[in-house]
Structure formats: C-alpha cells, structure tokens
Amino acid sequence: MVTDDNAVLIGGPRDGATVNAGDAVVVEFEIDELLYRYTLSRRRLTTGGHAYLVFDYDGETALNP
C-alpha cells in the first residue's frame, strides 16, 4: 500500500500513527470533544526505508470548556 504519510506521532491517543503532515509544525485532532495537539520535533525516525518527521504529543484541550 502506497501512502503519502510523512510523519509519525509519538505519545497521546494516536501514539505510533503515521499521518501526512505536509509542512505543518503543529498537528491537531478532535476526538470526543477534545483537541489533541502534536508538535514537530527535530528528531527523525527511519523505518522500512522511509524517513518520518516526528511529532511529539503536547497535550489536550476541551473544545467546549
């Protein structure tokens, strides 16, 4: 399967997932009325001959506090 994923998420509810982050420095996901944030790190992860940007879990915020 070919994918355009260029980043891997570390920590939080999406730990280990790969995503297409484009050139973003922050990636956010809405899950169950919470906003989960991942921020770009300087690290890179190479696996299966593919190099991924690494986004670290930065926390969560309620959408409707």
PDB file of N, CA and C in Angstrom:
ATOM      1  N   MET A   1       0.837  -1.180   0.000  1.00  0.00           N
ATOM      2  CA  MET A   1       0.000   0.000   0.000  1.00  0.00           C
ATOM      3  C   MET A   1       0.881   1.242   0.000  1.00  0.00           C
ATOM      4  N   VAL A   2       0.621   2.152  -0.917  1.00  0.00           N
ATOM      5  CA  VAL A   2       1.380   3.388  -1.021  1.00  0.00           C
ATOM      6  C   VAL A   2       0.637   4.490  -0.269  1.00  0.00           C
ATOM      7  N   THR A   3       1.360   5.234   0.541  1.00  0.00           N
ATOM      8  CA  THR A   3       0.748   6.330   1.289  1.00  0.00           C
ATOM      9  C   THR A   3       1.628   7.563   1.203  1.00  0.00           C
ATOM     10  N   ASP A   4       1.043   8.704   1.428  1.00  0.00           N
ATOM     11  CA  ASP A   4       1.785   9.959   1.418  1.00  0.00           C
ATOM     12  C   ASP A   4       2.178  10.387   2.822  1.00  0.00           C
ATOM     13  N   ASP A   5       2.010   9.491   3.796  1.00  0.00           N
ATOM     14  CA  ASP A   5       2.344   9.830   5.173  1.00  0.00           C
ATOM     15  C   ASP A   5       3.819  10.194   5.286  1.00  0.00           C
ATOM     16  N   ASN A   6       4.090  11.313   5.969  1.00  0.00           N
ATOM     17  CA  ASN A   6       5.470  11.756   6.131  1.00  0.00           C
ATOM     18  C   ASN A   6       5.827  12.003   7.587  1.00  0.00           C
ATOM     19  N   ALA A   7       4.922  11.665   8.511  1.00  0.00           N
ATOM     20  CA  ALA A   7       5.173  11.937   9.923  1.00  0.00           C
ATOM     21  C   ALA A   7       4.629  10.814  10.796  1.00  0.00           C
ATOM     22  N   VAL A   8       5.274  10.640  11.950  1.00  0.00           N
ATOM     23  CA  VAL A   8       4.804   9.673  12.941  1.00  0.00           C
ATOM     24  C   VAL A   8       4.517  10.433  14.230  1.00  0.00           C
ATOM     25  N   LEU A   9       3.417  10.052  14.898  1.00  0.00           N
ATOM     26  CA  LEU A   9       3.003  10.700  16.137  1.00  0.00           C
ATOM     27  C   LEU A   9       3.505   9.885  17.321  1.00  0.00           C
ATOM     28  N   ILE A  10       4.084  10.574  18.313  1.00  0.00           N
ATOM     29  CA  ILE A  10       4.650   9.905  19.483  1.00  0.00           C
ATOM     30  C   ILE A  10       3.902  10.377  20.730  1.00  0.00           C
ATOM     31  N   GLY A  11       3.344   9.429  21.483  1.00  0.00           N
ATOM     32  CA  GLY A  11       2.610   9.733  22.704  1.00  0.00           C
ATOM     33  C   GLY A  11       1.145  10.014  22.427  1.00  0.00           C
ATOM     34  N   GLY A  12       0.396  10.236  23.491  1.00  0.00           N
ATOM     35  CA  GLY A  12      -1.020  10.575  23.356  1.00  0.00           C
ATOM     36  C   GLY A  12      -1.856   9.471  22.758  1.00  0.00           C
ATOM     37  N   PRO A  13      -3.088   9.799  22.378  1.00  0.00           N
ATOM     38  CA  PRO A  13      -4.025   8.783  21.898  1.00  0.00           C
ATOM     39  C   PRO A  13      -3.704   8.228  20.508  1.00  0.00           C
ATOM     40  N   ARG A  14      -2.885   8.903  19.751  1.00  0.00           N
ATOM     41  CA  ARG A  14      -2.526   8.447  18.393  1.00  0.00           C
ATOM     42  C   ARG A  14      -1.094   7.940  18.312  1.00  0.00           C
ATOM     43  N   ASP A  15      -0.535   7.511  19.437  1.00  0.00           N
ATOM     44  CA  ASP A  15       0.855   7.065  19.504  1.00  0.00           C
ATOM     45  C   ASP A  15       1.161   6.027  18.429  1.00  0.00           C
ATOM     46  N   GLY A  16       2.189   6.294  17.643  1.00  0.00           N
ATOM     47  CA  GLY A  16       2.633   5.364  16.617  1.00  0.00           C
ATOM     48  C   GLY A  16       1.941   5.514  15.277  1.00  0.00           C
ATOM     49  N   ALA A  17       0.903   6.339  15.203  1.00  0.00           N
ATOM     50  CA  ALA A  17       0.184   6.528  13.937  1.00  0.00           C
ATOM     51  C   ALA A  17       1.025   7.366  12.982  1.00  0.00           C
ATOM     52  N   THR A  18       0.891   7.090  11.696  1.00  0.00           N
ATOM     53  CA  THR A  18       1.531   7.929  10.684  1.00  0.00           C
ATOM     54  C   THR A  18       0.470   8.781  10.014  1.00  0.00           C
ATOM     55  N   VAL A  19       0.869   9.990   9.656  1.00  0.00           N
ATOM     56  CA  VAL A  19      -0.043  10.938   9.020  1.00  0.00           C
ATOM     57  C   VAL A  19       0.702  11.727   7.953  1.00  0.00           C
ATOM     58  N   ASN A  20      -0.050  12.357   7.075  1.00  0.00           N
ATOM     59  CA  ASN A  20       0.526  13.291   6.123  1.00  0.00           C
ATOM     60  C   ASN A  20       0.440  14.674   6.749  1.00  0.00           C
ATOM     61  N   ALA A  21       1.543  15.149   7.298  1.00  0.00           N
ATOM     62  CA  ALA A  21       1.568  16.440   7.991  1.00  0.00           C
ATOM     63  C   ALA A  21       1.975  17.578   7.065  1.00  0.00           C
ATOM     64  N   GLY A  22       2.313  17.258   5.825  1.00  0.00           N
ATOM     65  CA  GLY A  22       2.750  18.310   4.910  1.00  0.00           C
ATOM     66  C   GLY A  22       3.939  19.042   5.494  1.00  0.00           C
ATOM     67  N   ASP A  23       3.864  20.372   5.526  1.00  0.00           N
ATOM     68  CA  ASP A  23       4.952  21.161   6.114  1.00  0.00           C
ATOM     69  C   ASP A  23       4.525  21.803   7.433  1.00  0.00           C
ATOM     70  N   ALA A  24       3.520  21.217   8.093  1.00  0.00           N
ATOM     71  CA  ALA A  24       3.000  21.743   9.360  1.00  0.00           C
ATOM     72  C   ALA A  24       4.016  21.586  10.488  1.00  0.00           C
ATOM     73  N   VAL A  25       3.928  22.471  11.476  1.00  0.00           N
ATOM     74  CA  VAL A  25       4.733  22.340  12.688  1.00  0.00           C
ATOM     75  C   VAL A  25       3.862  21.895  13.862  1.00  0.00           C
ATOM     76  N   VAL A  26       2.538  21.972  13.696  1.00  0.00           N
ATOM     77  CA  VAL A  26       1.578  21.517  14.693  1.00  0.00           C
ATOM     78  C   VAL A  26       0.496  20.717  13.975  1.00  0.00           C
ATOM     79  N   VAL A  27       0.141  19.562  14.560  1.00  0.00           N
ATOM     80  CA  VAL A  27      -0.937  18.737  14.035  1.00  0.00           C
ATOM     81  C   VAL A  27      -1.950  18.565  15.156  1.00  0.00           C
ATOM     82  N   GLU A  28      -3.231  18.785  14.857  1.00  0.00           N
ATOM     83  CA  GLU A  28      -4.277  18.675  15.877  1.00  0.00           C
ATOM     84  C   GLU A  28      -5.363  17.724  15.415  1.00  0.00           C
ATOM     85  N   PHE A  29      -5.921  16.971  16.384  1.00  0.00           N
ATOM     86  CA  PHE A  29      -7.006  16.041  16.127  1.00  0.00           C
ATOM     87  C   PHE A  29      -8.122  16.281  17.123  1.00  0.00           C
ATOM     88  N   GLU A  30      -9.353  16.254  16.649  1.00  0.00           N
ATOM     89  CA  GLU A  30     -10.513  16.335  17.529  1.00  0.00           C
ATOM     90  C   GLU A  30     -11.020  14.918  17.765  1.00  0.00           C
ATOM     91  N   ILE A  31     -11.045  14.518  19.044  1.00  0.00           N
ATOM     92  CA  ILE A  31     -11.530  13.193  19.423  1.00  0.00           C
ATOM     93  C   ILE A  31     -12.412  13.368  20.648  1.00  0.00           C
ATOM     94  N   ASP A  32     -13.670  12.979  20.549  1.00  0.00           N
ATOM     95  CA  ASP A  32     -14.594  13.030  21.688  1.00  0.00           C
ATOM     96  C   ASP A  32     -14.611  14.398  22.376  1.00  0.00           C
ATOM     97  N   GLU A  33     -14.758  15.447  21.591  1.00  0.00           N
ATOM     98  CA  GLU A  33     -14.855  16.828  22.065  1.00  0.00           C
ATOM     99  C   GLU A  33     -13.595  17.335  22.778  1.00  0.00           C
ATOM    100  N   LEU A  34     -12.472  16.680  22.517  1.00  0.00           N
ATOM    101  CA  LEU A  34     -11.180  17.158  22.999  1.00  0.00           C
ATOM    102  C   LEU A  34     -10.281  17.411  21.798  1.00  0.00           C
ATOM    103  N   LEU A  35      -9.435  18.423  21.892  1.00  0.00           N
ATOM    104  CA  LEU A  35      -8.486  18.750  20.843  1.00  0.00           C
ATOM    105  C   LEU A  35      -7.104  18.289  21.297  1.00  0.00           C
ATOM    106  N   TYR A  36      -6.512  17.357  20.569  1.00  0.00           N
ATOM    107  CA  TYR A  36      -5.202  16.809  20.898  1.00  0.00           C
ATOM    108  C   TYR A  36      -4.169  17.441  19.984  1.00  0.00           C
ATOM    109  N   ARG A  37      -3.064  17.906  20.567  1.00  0.00           N
ATOM    110  CA  ARG A  37      -2.047  18.629  19.805  1.00  0.00           C
ATOM    111  C   ARG A  37      -0.722  17.871  19.824  1.00  0.00           C
ATOM    112  N   TYR A  38      -0.100  17.812  18.653  1.00  0.00           N
ATOM    113  CA  TYR A  38       1.238  17.243  18.476  1.00  0.00           C
ATOM    114  C   TYR A  38       2.107  18.309  17.832  1.00  0.00           C
ATOM    115  N   THR A  39       3.344  18.460  18.318  1.00  0.00           N
ATOM    116  CA  THR A  39       4.248  19.473  17.779  1.00  0.00           C
ATOM    117  C   THR A  39       5.476  18.811  17.150  1.00  0.00           C
ATOM    118  N   LEU A  40       5.964  19.430  16.111  1.00  0.00           N
ATOM    119  CA  LEU A  40       7.114  18.908  15.371  1.00  0.00           C
ATOM    120  C   LEU A  40       8.371  18.963  16.230  1.00  0.00           C
ATOM    121  N   SER A  41       9.110  17.868  16.241  1.00  0.00           N
ATOM    122  CA  SER A  41      10.393  17.835  16.942  1.00  0.00           C
ATOM    123  C   SER A  41      11.514  17.881  15.904  1.00  0.00           C
ATOM    124  N   ARG A  42      12.728  17.909  16.371  1.00  0.00           N
ATOM    125  CA  ARG A  42      13.880  17.891  15.463  1.00  0.00           C
ATOM    126  C   ARG A  42      14.287  16.471  15.082  1.00  0.00           C
ATOM    127  N   ARG A  43      13.685  15.493  15.757  1.00  0.00           N
ATOM    128  CA  ARG A  43      14.039  14.095  15.505  1.00  0.00           C
ATOM    129  C   ARG A  43      13.421  13.577  14.207  1.00  0.00           C
ATOM    130  N   ARG A  44      14.026  12.543  13.677  1.00  0.00           N
ATOM    131  CA  ARG A  44      13.503  11.828  12.526  1.00  0.00           C
ATOM    132  C   ARG A  44      13.524  10.350  12.857  1.00  0.00           C
ATOM    133  N   LEU A  45      12.591   9.599  12.317  1.00  0.00           N
ATOM    134  CA  LEU A  45      12.519   8.154  12.530  1.00  0.00           C
ATOM    135  C   LEU A  45      12.564   7.488  11.167  1.00  0.00           C
ATOM    136  N   THR A  46      13.489   6.558  11.009  1.00  0.00           N
ATOM    137  CA  THR A  46      13.591   5.823   9.753  1.00  0.00           C
ATOM    138  C   THR A  46      13.191   4.379  10.003  1.00  0.00           C
ATOM    139  N   THR A  47      12.223   3.924   9.252  1.00  0.00           N
ATOM    140  CA  THR A  47      11.775   2.538   9.361  1.00  0.00           C
ATOM    141  C   THR A  47      11.307   2.059   7.989  1.00  0.00           C
ATOM    142  N   GLY A  48      11.646   0.855   7.655  1.00  0.00           N
ATOM    143  CA  GLY A  48      11.250   0.294   6.365  1.00  0.00           C
ATOM    144  C   GLY A  48      11.733   1.110   5.184  1.00  0.00           C
ATOM    145  N   GLY A  49      12.891   1.776   5.348  1.00  0.00           N
ATOM    146  CA  GLY A  49      13.445   2.573   4.259  1.00  0.00           C
ATOM    147  C   GLY A  49      12.768   3.919   4.064  1.00  0.00           C
ATOM    148  N   HIS A  50      11.856   4.292   4.964  1.00  0.00           N
ATOM    149  CA  HIS A  50      11.158   5.567   4.857  1.00  0.00           C
ATOM    150  C   HIS A  50      11.489   6.437   6.070  1.00  0.00           C
ATOM    151  N   ALA A  51      11.846   7.685   5.836  1.00  0.00           N
ATOM    152  CA  ALA A  51      12.159   8.618   6.927  1.00  0.00           C
ATOM    153  C   ALA A  51      10.912   9.427   7.270  1.00  0.00           C
ATOM    154  N   TYR A  52      10.580   9.477   8.546  1.00  0.00           N
ATOM    155  CA  TYR A  52       9.403  10.203   9.021  1.00  0.00           C
ATOM    156  C   TYR A  52       9.811  11.377   9.901  1.00  0.00           C
ATOM    157  N   LEU A  53       9.082  12.468   9.784  1.00  0.00           N
ATOM    158  CA  LEU A  53       9.180  13.541  10.756  1.00  0.00           C
ATOM    159  C   LEU A  53       8.566  13.022  12.047  1.00  0.00           C
ATOM    160  N   VAL A  54       9.020  13.495  13.201  1.00  0.00           N
ATOM    161  CA  VAL A  54       8.472  13.047  14.482  1.00  0.00           C
ATOM    162  C   VAL A  54       7.704  14.199  15.127  1.00  0.00           C
ATOM    163  N   PHE A  55       6.441  13.939  15.452  1.00  0.00           N
ATOM    164  CA  PHE A  55       5.605  14.904  16.166  1.00  0.00           C
ATOM    165  C   PHE A  55       5.351  14.355  17.565  1.00  0.00           C
ATOM    166  N   ASP A  56       5.689  15.151  18.585  1.00  0.00           N
ATOM    167  CA  ASP A  56       5.507  14.742  19.978  1.00  0.00           C
ATOM    168  C   ASP A  56       4.176  15.250  20.516  1.00  0.00           C
ATOM    169  N   TYR A  57       3.538  14.432  21.330  1.00  0.00           N
ATOM    170  CA  TYR A  57       2.276  14.801  21.977  1.00  0.00           C
ATOM    171  C   TYR A  57       2.509  16.006  22.884  1.00  0.00           C
ATOM    172  N   ASP A  58       1.636  17.007  22.766  1.00  0.00           N
ATOM    173  CA  ASP A  58       1.804  18.248  23.512  1.00  0.00           C
ATOM    174  C   ASP A  58       0.653  18.509  24.477  1.00  0.00           C
ATOM    175  N   GLY A  59      -0.392  17.693  24.452  1.00  0.00           N
ATOM    176  CA  GLY A  59      -1.485  17.853  25.393  1.00  0.00           C
ATOM    177  C   GLY A  59      -2.839  17.931  24.726  1.00  0.00           C
ATOM    178  N   GLU A  60      -3.851  18.161  25.570  1.00  0.00           N
ATOM    179  CA  GLU A  60      -5.218  18.196  25.081  1.00  0.00           C
ATOM    180  C   GLU A  60      -5.957  19.379  25.715  1.00  0.00           C
ATOM    181  N   THR A  61      -7.000  19.815  25.023  1.00  0.00           N
ATOM    182  CA  THR A  61      -7.825  20.915  25.476  1.00  0.00           C
ATOM    183  C   THR A  61      -9.281  20.573  25.180  1.00  0.00           C
ATOM    184  N   ALA A  62     -10.177  20.898  26.111  1.00  0.00           N
ATOM    185  CA  ALA A  62     -11.610  20.707  25.858  1.00  0.00           C
ATOM    186  C   ALA A  62     -12.070  21.724  24.818  1.00  0.00           C
ATOM    187  N   LEU A  63     -12.864  21.279  23.870  1.00  0.00           N
ATOM    188  CA  LEU A  63     -13.359  22.192  22.840  1.00  0.00           C
ATOM    189  C   LEU A  63     -14.409  23.144  23.386  1.00  0.00           C
ATOM    190  N   ASN A  64     -15.216  22.668  24.320  1.00  0.00           N
ATOM    191  CA  ASN A  64     -16.273  23.482  24.906  1.00  0.00           C
ATOM    192  C   ASN A  64     -16.127  23.496  26.429  1.00  0.00           C
ATOM    193  N   PRO A  65     -15.169  24.297  26.924  1.00  0.00           N
ATOM    194  CA  PRO A  65     -14.924  24.294  28.378  1.00  0.00           C
ATOM    195  C   PRO A  65     -16.092  24.846  29.170  1.00  0.00           C
TER     196      PRO A  65
END
